[in-house]
Amino acid sequence: MTANPHLPPYPTGRLLSGIGIAAVVLLGLWTGVFYAGDLEVDIYRGGIIGLIAATAAHLLGTLAGGLLAPAKGSNAAYLASTVVRFLLTPVLAVSLYFLLPVKPQPVLVGAAAGYLLILVADIGTMLKAMQQHSGSASA
């Protein structure tokens, strides 16, 4: 199936890069709070586990969107990707919580903060890709 030149392509690579960068920044922030705030190791570990769950959900959701994009278009693929991420984040966080001996609150805070902050970076990446496509399409 050929891509429609009038529709913006799904920016899988850019989204994956943005997720990776956001996750690294969040890892740095968690580590900074750990050292500056003198947090317990269990709280830090739980936050990192939550961040891992959120990052994995975003990565999997983005890949799912990339697979759907050729058939459904990038807008529908991005919506489906967001739904996958929204559903996977708590599932992965709860699964990791039960697999590893950590406190539940830091895992949930890490997952929620990770999900929301990565989503902001993700939305910014998608908007920029759409603007660049609309700018090149009108030229």
N, C-alpha and C. Protein backbone atom coordinates (compact mmCIF):
# COMPACT_ATOMS: atom_id res chain seq x y z
N MET A 1 0.85 -1.18 0.00
CA MET A 1 0.00 0.00 0.00
C MET A 1 0.90 1.24 0.00
N THR A 2 0.62 2.18 -0.88
CA THR A 2 1.42 3.39 -0.98
C THR A 2 0.90 4.47 -0.04
N ALA A 3 1.83 5.21 0.51
CA ALA A 3 1.45 6.27 1.44
C ALA A 3 0.83 7.43 0.66
N ASN A 4 -0.17 8.05 1.24
CA ASN A 4 -0.82 9.21 0.65
C ASN A 4 0.09 10.42 0.88
N PRO A 5 0.53 11.11 -0.19
CA PRO A 5 1.45 12.25 -0.01
C PRO A 5 0.81 13.44 0.69
N HIS A 6 -0.53 13.48 0.77
CA HIS A 6 -1.21 14.59 1.44
C HIS A 6 -1.30 14.39 2.95
N LEU A 7 -1.13 13.16 3.41
CA LEU A 7 -1.18 12.89 4.84
C LEU A 7 0.24 12.87 5.40
N PRO A 8 0.42 13.38 6.61
CA PRO A 8 1.77 13.36 7.18
C PRO A 8 2.19 11.92 7.49
N PRO A 9 3.45 11.58 7.22
CA PRO A 9 3.92 10.24 7.56
C PRO A 9 4.03 10.09 9.08
N TYR A 10 3.89 8.88 9.55
CA TYR A 10 4.01 8.62 10.98
C TYR A 10 5.49 8.65 11.35
N PRO A 11 5.90 9.55 12.23
CA PRO A 11 7.33 9.74 12.54
C PRO A 11 7.85 8.76 13.59
N THR A 12 7.84 7.48 13.28
CA THR A 12 8.22 6.45 14.25
C THR A 12 9.60 6.71 14.84
N GLY A 13 10.57 6.94 13.99
CA GLY A 13 11.94 7.14 14.47
C GLY A 13 12.07 8.36 15.38
N ARG A 14 11.43 9.45 14.99
CA ARG A 14 11.48 10.66 15.82
C ARG A 14 10.79 10.44 17.16
N LEU A 15 9.66 9.75 17.13
CA LEU A 15 8.94 9.48 18.38
C LEU A 15 9.77 8.59 19.31
N LEU A 16 10.39 7.55 18.75
CA LEU A 16 11.22 6.67 19.57
C LEU A 16 12.40 7.43 20.16
N SER A 17 13.00 8.30 19.36
CA SER A 17 14.12 9.12 19.87
C SER A 17 13.65 10.05 20.98
N GLY A 18 12.51 10.70 20.78
CA GLY A 18 11.96 11.60 21.79
C GLY A 18 11.65 10.88 23.09
N ILE A 19 11.10 9.68 22.98
CA ILE A 19 10.80 8.88 24.18
C ILE A 19 12.09 8.53 24.90
N GLY A 20 13.10 8.12 24.15
CA GLY A 20 14.39 7.78 24.76
C GLY A 20 15.01 8.96 25.47
N ILE A 21 15.00 10.12 24.82
CA ILE A 21 15.58 11.32 25.43
C ILE A 21 14.80 11.71 26.69
N ALA A 22 13.47 11.69 26.60
CA ALA A 22 12.65 12.04 27.77
C ALA A 22 12.90 11.07 28.92
N ALA A 23 13.04 9.79 28.61
CA ALA A 23 13.28 8.79 29.66
C ALA A 23 14.64 9.01 30.34
N VAL A 24 15.64 9.35 29.55
CA VAL A 24 16.97 9.61 30.12
C VAL A 24 16.93 10.85 31.01
N VAL A 25 16.24 11.90 30.55
CA VAL A 25 16.11 13.12 31.36
C VAL A 25 15.39 12.80 32.67
N LEU A 26 14.31 12.02 32.60
CA LEU A 26 13.57 11.65 33.82
C LEU A 26 14.42 10.79 34.75
N LEU A 27 15.21 9.91 34.18
CA LEU A 27 16.13 9.11 35.01
C LEU A 27 17.11 10.03 35.73
N GLY A 28 17.62 11.02 35.03
CA GLY A 28 18.51 12.00 35.66
C GLY A 28 17.81 12.79 36.76
N LEU A 29 16.56 13.18 36.51
CA LEU A 29 15.80 13.91 37.53
C LEU A 29 15.56 13.04 38.77
N TRP A 30 15.14 11.78 38.54
CA TRP A 30 14.93 10.87 39.68
C TRP A 30 16.22 10.70 40.47
N THR A 31 17.33 10.55 39.76
CA THR A 31 18.61 10.36 40.43
C THR A 31 19.01 11.63 41.19
N GLY A 32 18.77 12.78 40.60
CA GLY A 32 19.05 14.04 41.29
C GLY A 32 18.22 14.20 42.55
N VAL A 33 16.93 13.86 42.46
CA VAL A 33 16.06 13.93 43.64
C VAL A 33 16.52 12.92 44.70
N PHE A 34 16.96 11.76 44.25
CA PHE A 34 17.45 10.73 45.17
C PHE A 34 18.62 11.25 45.99
N TYR A 35 19.58 11.86 45.32
CA TYR A 35 20.76 12.35 46.04
C TYR A 35 20.49 13.66 46.78
N ALA A 36 19.80 14.58 46.16
CA ALA A 36 19.55 15.88 46.79
C ALA A 36 18.51 15.78 47.90
N GLY A 37 17.52 14.92 47.72
CA GLY A 37 16.44 14.79 48.70
C GLY A 37 16.67 13.73 49.73
N ASP A 38 17.81 13.03 49.63
CA ASP A 38 18.14 11.98 50.59
C ASP A 38 17.00 10.97 50.72
N LEU A 39 16.52 10.49 49.56
CA LEU A 39 15.43 9.50 49.54
C LEU A 39 15.94 8.12 49.94
N GLU A 40 15.02 7.32 50.42
CA GLU A 40 15.36 5.93 50.70
C GLU A 40 15.59 5.20 49.37
N VAL A 41 16.43 4.20 49.41
CA VAL A 41 16.73 3.43 48.21
C VAL A 41 15.47 2.76 47.67
N ASP A 42 14.59 2.29 48.53
CA ASP A 42 13.36 1.63 48.07
C ASP A 42 12.46 2.59 47.30
N ILE A 43 12.40 3.84 47.72
CA ILE A 43 11.58 4.82 47.02
C ILE A 43 12.19 5.12 45.65
N TYR A 44 13.50 5.30 45.62
CA TYR A 44 14.18 5.54 44.35
C TYR A 44 13.99 4.36 43.41
N ARG A 45 14.21 3.17 43.89
CA ARG A 45 14.07 1.96 43.07
C ARG A 45 12.64 1.84 42.53
N GLY A 46 11.64 2.10 43.37
CA GLY A 46 10.25 2.04 42.92
C GLY A 46 9.96 3.06 41.84
N GLY A 47 10.48 4.27 42.01
CA GLY A 47 10.28 5.31 40.99
C GLY A 47 10.90 4.93 39.66
N ILE A 48 12.09 4.34 39.72
CA ILE A 48 12.76 3.91 38.50
C ILE A 48 11.99 2.77 37.83
N ILE A 49 11.46 1.87 38.61
CA ILE A 49 10.66 0.77 38.06
C ILE A 49 9.42 1.33 37.37
N GLY A 50 8.77 2.30 37.99
CA GLY A 50 7.62 2.95 37.36
C GLY A 50 8.00 3.65 36.06
N LEU A 51 9.15 4.31 36.06
CA LEU A 51 9.64 4.97 34.86
C LEU A 51 9.93 3.95 33.76
N ILE A 52 10.49 2.82 34.13
CA ILE A 52 10.75 1.76 33.14
C ILE A 52 9.43 1.27 32.54
N ALA A 53 8.40 1.11 33.38
CA ALA A 53 7.10 0.66 32.88
C ALA A 53 6.52 1.69 31.90
N ALA A 54 6.58 2.96 32.26
CA ALA A 54 6.05 4.01 31.39
C ALA A 54 6.83 4.09 30.08
N THR A 55 8.14 3.98 30.15
CA THR A 55 8.97 4.04 28.95
C THR A 55 8.67 2.85 28.03
N ALA A 56 8.58 1.67 28.61
CA ALA A 56 8.28 0.48 27.80
C ALA A 56 6.90 0.60 27.14
N ALA A 57 5.93 1.11 27.88
CA ALA A 57 4.58 1.29 27.31
C ALA A 57 4.61 2.28 26.15
N HIS A 58 5.35 3.36 26.31
CA HIS A 58 5.45 4.35 25.22
C HIS A 58 6.15 3.76 24.00
N LEU A 59 7.21 3.02 24.23
CA LEU A 59 7.93 2.41 23.11
C LEU A 59 7.04 1.42 22.36
N LEU A 60 6.36 0.56 23.10
CA LEU A 60 5.48 -0.43 22.47
C LEU A 60 4.31 0.23 21.76
N GLY A 61 3.74 1.25 22.37
CA GLY A 61 2.64 1.98 21.74
C GLY A 61 3.07 2.66 20.45
N THR A 62 4.26 3.25 20.46
CA THR A 62 4.77 3.91 19.26
C THR A 62 5.02 2.90 18.15
N LEU A 63 5.57 1.76 18.50
CA LEU A 63 5.80 0.72 17.49
C LEU A 63 4.47 0.21 16.93
N ALA A 64 3.46 0.07 17.79
CA ALA A 64 2.13 -0.34 17.31
C ALA A 64 1.57 0.71 16.36
N GLY A 65 1.73 1.97 16.69
CA GLY A 65 1.28 3.05 15.80
C GLY A 65 2.00 3.02 14.47
N GLY A 66 3.30 2.74 14.52
CA GLY A 66 4.07 2.65 13.28
C GLY A 66 3.60 1.52 12.38
N LEU A 67 3.17 0.43 13.00
CA LEU A 67 2.65 -0.69 12.22
C LEU A 67 1.27 -0.38 11.61
N LEU A 68 0.47 0.39 12.34
CA LEU A 68 -0.88 0.73 11.86
C LEU A 68 -0.90 1.85 10.84
N ALA A 69 0.08 2.71 10.87
CA ALA A 69 0.07 3.92 10.05
C ALA A 69 -0.12 3.69 8.55
N PRO A 70 0.57 2.72 7.95
CA PRO A 70 0.37 2.55 6.50
C PRO A 70 -1.07 2.22 6.12
N ALA A 71 -1.77 1.49 6.97
CA ALA A 71 -3.15 1.09 6.65
C ALA A 71 -4.18 2.12 7.09
N LYS A 72 -3.96 2.76 8.22
CA LYS A 72 -4.98 3.64 8.81
C LYS A 72 -4.66 5.12 8.75
N GLY A 73 -3.44 5.48 8.39
CA GLY A 73 -3.04 6.88 8.39
C GLY A 73 -2.40 7.25 9.72
N SER A 74 -1.60 8.30 9.69
CA SER A 74 -0.83 8.65 10.88
C SER A 74 -1.69 9.18 12.03
N ASN A 75 -2.77 9.88 11.74
CA ASN A 75 -3.61 10.40 12.82
C ASN A 75 -4.28 9.26 13.60
N ALA A 76 -4.88 8.32 12.88
CA ALA A 76 -5.52 7.17 13.53
C ALA A 76 -4.47 6.31 14.23
N ALA A 77 -3.30 6.17 13.62
CA ALA A 77 -2.23 5.38 14.22
C ALA A 77 -1.75 6.03 15.52
N TYR A 78 -1.65 7.36 15.53
CA TYR A 78 -1.21 8.04 16.75
C TYR A 78 -2.25 7.89 17.86
N LEU A 79 -3.52 7.99 17.51
CA LEU A 79 -4.57 7.79 18.50
C LEU A 79 -4.52 6.37 19.07
N ALA A 80 -4.38 5.39 18.20
CA ALA A 80 -4.28 4.00 18.66
C ALA A 80 -3.03 3.81 19.52
N SER A 81 -1.95 4.44 19.12
CA SER A 81 -0.70 4.38 19.89
C SER A 81 -0.90 4.94 21.29
N THR A 82 -1.60 6.04 21.39
CA THR A 82 -1.86 6.66 22.69
C THR A 82 -2.72 5.76 23.57
N VAL A 83 -3.71 5.13 22.99
CA VAL A 83 -4.56 4.21 23.76
C VAL A 83 -3.74 3.02 24.26
N VAL A 84 -2.89 2.47 23.41
CA VAL A 84 -2.03 1.35 23.82
C VAL A 84 -1.14 1.76 24.98
N ARG A 85 -0.54 2.94 24.87
CA ARG A 85 0.34 3.42 25.95
C ARG A 85 -0.42 3.65 27.25
N PHE A 86 -1.61 4.23 27.12
CA PHE A 86 -2.42 4.52 28.30
C PHE A 86 -2.81 3.23 29.02
N LEU A 87 -3.12 2.19 28.27
CA LEU A 87 -3.51 0.91 28.88
C LEU A 87 -2.30 0.11 29.38
N LEU A 88 -1.20 0.16 28.64
CA LEU A 88 -0.03 -0.63 29.01
C LEU A 88 0.72 -0.10 30.23
N THR A 89 0.74 1.21 30.42
CA THR A 89 1.52 1.76 31.53
C THR A 89 1.10 1.18 32.88
N PRO A 90 -0.19 1.22 33.26
CA PRO A 90 -0.53 0.62 34.57
C PRO A 90 -0.37 -0.89 34.60
N VAL A 91 -0.62 -1.55 33.48
CA VAL A 91 -0.45 -3.01 33.45
C VAL A 91 1.00 -3.38 33.71
N LEU A 92 1.92 -2.70 33.03
CA LEU A 92 3.34 -2.98 33.23
C LEU A 92 3.79 -2.58 34.63
N ALA A 93 3.32 -1.44 35.13
CA ALA A 93 3.72 -0.99 36.47
C ALA A 93 3.25 -1.99 37.54
N VAL A 94 2.02 -2.44 37.45
CA VAL A 94 1.50 -3.40 38.43
C VAL A 94 2.22 -4.74 38.29
N SER A 95 2.50 -5.15 37.06
CA SER A 95 3.22 -6.41 36.85
C SER A 95 4.61 -6.35 37.46
N LEU A 96 5.32 -5.25 37.23
CA LEU A 96 6.66 -5.11 37.81
C LEU A 96 6.59 -5.02 39.33
N TYR A 97 5.56 -4.36 39.84
CA TYR A 97 5.41 -4.26 41.28
C TYR A 97 5.28 -5.64 41.91
N PHE A 98 4.49 -6.51 41.30
CA PHE A 98 4.29 -7.85 41.86
C PHE A 98 5.51 -8.75 41.65
N LEU A 99 6.30 -8.47 40.63
CA LEU A 99 7.50 -9.27 40.39
C LEU A 99 8.66 -8.89 41.30
N LEU A 100 8.70 -7.64 41.71
CA LEU A 100 9.84 -7.13 42.47
C LEU A 100 9.40 -6.63 43.84
N PRO A 101 10.20 -6.86 44.85
CA PRO A 101 9.82 -6.41 46.20
C PRO A 101 10.08 -4.92 46.41
N VAL A 102 9.10 -4.09 46.04
CA VAL A 102 9.22 -2.64 46.23
C VAL A 102 7.92 -2.09 46.79
N LYS A 103 7.99 -0.86 47.29
CA LYS A 103 6.79 -0.18 47.79
C LYS A 103 5.91 0.23 46.61
N PRO A 104 4.58 0.14 46.76
CA PRO A 104 3.72 0.45 45.60
C PRO A 104 3.64 1.93 45.24
N GLN A 105 3.66 2.82 46.22
CA GLN A 105 3.48 4.24 45.92
C GLN A 105 4.56 4.80 44.99
N PRO A 106 5.84 4.54 45.24
CA PRO A 106 6.85 5.08 44.32
C PRO A 106 6.73 4.51 42.90
N VAL A 107 6.32 3.25 42.79
CA VAL A 107 6.13 2.66 41.46
C VAL A 107 5.03 3.40 40.72
N LEU A 108 3.93 3.65 41.41
CA LEU A 108 2.81 4.35 40.78
C LEU A 108 3.15 5.79 40.45
N VAL A 109 3.85 6.47 41.35
CA VAL A 109 4.27 7.85 41.08
C VAL A 109 5.24 7.89 39.91
N GLY A 110 6.20 6.97 39.90
CA GLY A 110 7.16 6.91 38.80
C GLY A 110 6.49 6.62 37.47
N ALA A 111 5.52 5.70 37.48
CA ALA A 111 4.81 5.36 36.25
C ALA A 111 3.95 6.52 35.77
N ALA A 112 3.22 7.14 36.68
CA ALA A 112 2.34 8.25 36.29
C ALA A 112 3.15 9.45 35.80
N ALA A 113 4.19 9.82 36.55
CA ALA A 113 5.02 10.96 36.15
C ALA A 113 5.73 10.65 34.83
N GLY A 114 6.25 9.44 34.72
CA GLY A 114 6.92 9.05 33.48
C GLY A 114 5.97 9.08 32.30
N TYR A 115 4.78 8.53 32.49
CA TYR A 115 3.79 8.50 31.40
C TYR A 115 3.46 9.92 30.93
N LEU A 116 3.14 10.78 31.89
CA LEU A 116 2.71 12.14 31.53
C LEU A 116 3.83 12.97 30.90
N LEU A 117 5.01 12.90 31.47
CA LEU A 117 6.11 13.72 30.95
C LEU A 117 6.62 13.20 29.61
N ILE A 118 6.64 11.89 29.44
CA ILE A 118 7.03 11.35 28.13
C ILE A 118 5.95 11.68 27.10
N LEU A 119 4.69 11.66 27.52
CA LEU A 119 3.59 12.00 26.62
C LEU A 119 3.71 13.44 26.12
N VAL A 120 4.11 14.34 27.00
CA VAL A 120 4.30 15.74 26.59
C VAL A 120 5.38 15.83 25.51
N ALA A 121 6.49 15.14 25.72
CA ALA A 121 7.56 15.13 24.71
C ALA A 121 7.07 14.49 23.41
N ASP A 122 6.29 13.45 23.55
CA ASP A 122 5.76 12.73 22.41
C ASP A 122 4.80 13.61 21.59
N ILE A 123 3.93 14.32 22.27
CA ILE A 123 2.98 15.21 21.58
C ILE A 123 3.75 16.32 20.86
N GLY A 124 4.75 16.87 21.52
CA GLY A 124 5.57 17.90 20.88
C GLY A 124 6.25 17.39 19.62
N THR A 125 6.76 16.18 19.67
CA THR A 125 7.41 15.57 18.51
C THR A 125 6.41 15.39 17.38
N MET A 126 5.22 14.90 17.71
CA MET A 126 4.20 14.66 16.69
C MET A 126 3.74 15.98 16.06
N LEU A 127 3.52 16.99 16.89
CA LEU A 127 3.10 18.30 16.36
C LEU A 127 4.16 18.89 15.44
N LYS A 128 5.41 18.78 15.83
CA LYS A 128 6.50 19.32 15.01
C LYS A 128 6.56 18.58 13.67
N ALA A 129 6.40 17.27 13.70
CA ALA A 129 6.41 16.50 12.45
C ALA A 129 5.25 16.90 11.55
N MET A 130 4.08 17.13 12.14
CA MET A 130 2.91 17.53 11.35
C MET A 130 3.11 18.93 10.76
N GLN A 131 3.70 19.85 11.53
CA GLN A 131 3.95 21.19 11.03
C GLN A 131 4.96 21.18 9.89
N GLN A 132 5.99 20.37 10.03
CA GLN A 132 7.00 20.28 8.97
C GLN A 132 6.39 19.70 7.71
N HIS A 133 5.50 18.73 7.86
CA HIS A 133 4.85 18.13 6.69
C HIS A 133 3.92 19.15 6.01
N SER A 134 3.15 19.88 6.83
CA SER A 134 2.24 20.86 6.24
C SER A 134 3.02 22.00 5.58
N GLY A 135 4.17 22.35 6.13
CA GLY A 135 5.00 23.39 5.54
C GLY A 135 5.60 22.93 4.22
N SER A 136 6.03 21.67 4.15
CA SER A 136 6.61 21.16 2.89
C SER A 136 5.54 20.84 1.87
N ALA A 137 4.31 20.53 2.33
CA ALA A 137 3.23 20.22 1.39
C ALA A 137 2.72 21.49 0.72
N SER A 138 2.77 22.62 1.44
CA SER A 138 2.27 23.87 0.85
C SER A 138 3.31 24.57 -0.02
N ALA A 139 4.57 24.15 0.13
CA ALA A 139 5.64 24.80 -0.65
C ALA A 139 5.69 24.32 -2.08
